[in-house]
Amino acid sequence: MSLNSKVSDMSGPYGAATFIPFTGKVESELFTGEILPGAADVQVENPAGCRHIFYVCRCG
């Protein structure tokens, strides 16, 4: 996996979001996959400080 250089941050009254673009592949005991072009590590934090992390990949 490799990180792209541009990280985007956004915030508003309901929390904040951070977008970290990256590329590569993933392999685990449960699945293998290719990270799709334009993929990003999306981290959403609500006002209470709870952070949710989302990933999207094509699994094979």
C-alpha atoms as a PDB file:
ATOM      1  CA  MET A   1       0.000   0.000   0.000  1.00  0.00           C
ATOM      2  CA  SER A   2       1.249   3.501  -0.703  1.00  0.00           C
ATOM      3  CA  LEU A   3      -0.129   6.823   0.469  1.00  0.00           C
ATOM      4  CA  ASN A   4      -0.703   9.665  -1.928  1.00  0.00           C
ATOM      5  CA  SER A   5       0.519  13.044  -0.705  1.00  0.00           C
ATOM      6  CA  LYS A   6      -2.725  15.048  -0.569  1.00  0.00           C
ATOM      7  CA  VAL A   7      -4.767  14.697   2.630  1.00  0.00           C
ATOM      8  CA  SER A   8      -8.086  16.572   2.811  1.00  0.00           C
ATOM      9  CA  ASP A   9      -9.772  17.681   6.037  1.00  0.00           C
ATOM     10  CA  MET A  10     -13.322  18.968   6.366  1.00  0.00           C
ATOM     11  CA  SER A  11     -15.302  19.940   9.440  1.00  0.00           C
ATOM     12  CA  GLY A  12     -18.790  21.138  10.267  1.00  0.00           C
ATOM     13  CA  PRO A  13     -21.316  21.305  13.091  1.00  0.00           C
ATOM     14  CA  TYR A  14     -21.814  17.507  13.104  1.00  0.00           C
ATOM     15  CA  GLY A  15     -18.151  16.512  13.151  1.00  0.00           C
ATOM     16  CA  ALA A  16     -15.100  16.244  10.920  1.00  0.00           C
ATOM     17  CA  ALA A  17     -13.878  14.051   8.059  1.00  0.00           C
ATOM     18  CA  THR A  18     -10.360  13.273   6.891  1.00  0.00           C
ATOM     19  CA  PHE A  19      -9.672  11.770   3.452  1.00  0.00           C
ATOM     20  CA  ILE A  20      -6.285  10.049   2.905  1.00  0.00           C
ATOM     21  CA  PRO A  21      -5.889   8.750  -0.688  1.00  0.00           C
ATOM     22  CA  PHE A  22      -3.898   5.514  -1.165  1.00  0.00           C
ATOM     23  CA  THR A  23      -3.259   2.670  -3.629  1.00  0.00           C
ATOM     24  CA  GLY A  24      -2.207  -0.988  -3.398  1.00  0.00           C
ATOM     25  CA  LYS A  25      -3.505  -4.461  -2.564  1.00  0.00           C
ATOM     26  CA  VAL A  26      -4.803  -6.156   0.577  1.00  0.00           C
ATOM     27  CA  GLU A  27      -4.389  -9.784   1.653  1.00  0.00           C
ATOM     28  CA  SER A  28      -5.783 -11.412   4.796  1.00  0.00           C
ATOM     29  CA  GLU A  29      -7.100 -14.752   6.011  1.00  0.00           C
ATOM     30  CA  LEU A  30     -10.615 -13.598   5.106  1.00  0.00           C
ATOM     31  CA  PHE A  31     -10.100 -12.040   1.659  1.00  0.00           C
ATOM     32  CA  THR A  32      -7.703 -10.571  -0.885  1.00  0.00           C
ATOM     33  CA  GLY A  33      -8.397  -7.444  -2.871  1.00  0.00           C
ATOM     34  CA  GLU A  34      -7.137  -4.641  -5.057  1.00  0.00           C
ATOM     35  CA  ILE A  35      -7.558  -1.086  -3.831  1.00  0.00           C
ATOM     36  CA  LEU A  36      -9.457   0.756  -6.563  1.00  0.00           C
ATOM     37  CA  PRO A  37      -8.089   3.898  -8.260  1.00  0.00           C
ATOM     38  CA  GLY A  38      -9.209   6.992  -6.365  1.00  0.00           C
ATOM     39  CA  ALA A  39      -9.581   5.063  -3.094  1.00  0.00           C
ATOM     40  CA  ALA A  40      -9.222   6.894   0.194  1.00  0.00           C
ATOM     41  CA  ASP A  41      -9.043   6.115   3.886  1.00  0.00           C
ATOM     42  CA  VAL A  42     -12.115   8.030   5.078  1.00  0.00           C
ATOM     43  CA  GLN A  43     -12.127   8.859   8.787  1.00  0.00           C
ATOM     44  CA  VAL A  44     -15.287  10.476  10.167  1.00  0.00           C
ATOM     45  CA  GLU A  45     -15.254  11.854  13.708  1.00  0.00           C
ATOM     46  CA  ASN A  46     -18.434  12.975  15.462  1.00  0.00           C
ATOM     47  CA  PRO A  47     -18.563  15.801  18.049  1.00  0.00           C
ATOM     48  CA  ALA A  48     -18.177  13.249  20.897  1.00  0.00           C
ATOM     49  CA  GLY A  49     -14.797  12.199  19.444  1.00  0.00           C
ATOM     50  CA  CYS A  50     -15.905   8.791  18.119  1.00  0.00           C
ATOM     51  CA  ARG A  51     -13.984   8.011  14.898  1.00  0.00           C
ATOM     52  CA  HIS A  52     -15.347   5.742  12.151  1.00  0.00           C
ATOM     53  CA  ILE A  53     -13.030   4.479   9.409  1.00  0.00           C
ATOM     54  CA  PHE A  54     -14.269   3.340   5.963  1.00  0.00           C
ATOM     55  CA  TYR A  55     -12.423   1.439   3.205  1.00  0.00           C
ATOM     56  CA  VAL A  56     -13.597   0.360  -0.244  1.00  0.00           C
ATOM     57  CA  CYS A  57     -11.849  -2.395  -2.248  1.00  0.00           C
ATOM     58  CA  ARG A  58     -12.589  -4.894  -5.012  1.00  0.00           C
ATOM     59  CA  CYS A  59     -12.327  -8.403  -3.551  1.00  0.00           C
ATOM     60  CA  GLY A  60     -11.425 -11.493  -5.528  1.00  0.00           C
END
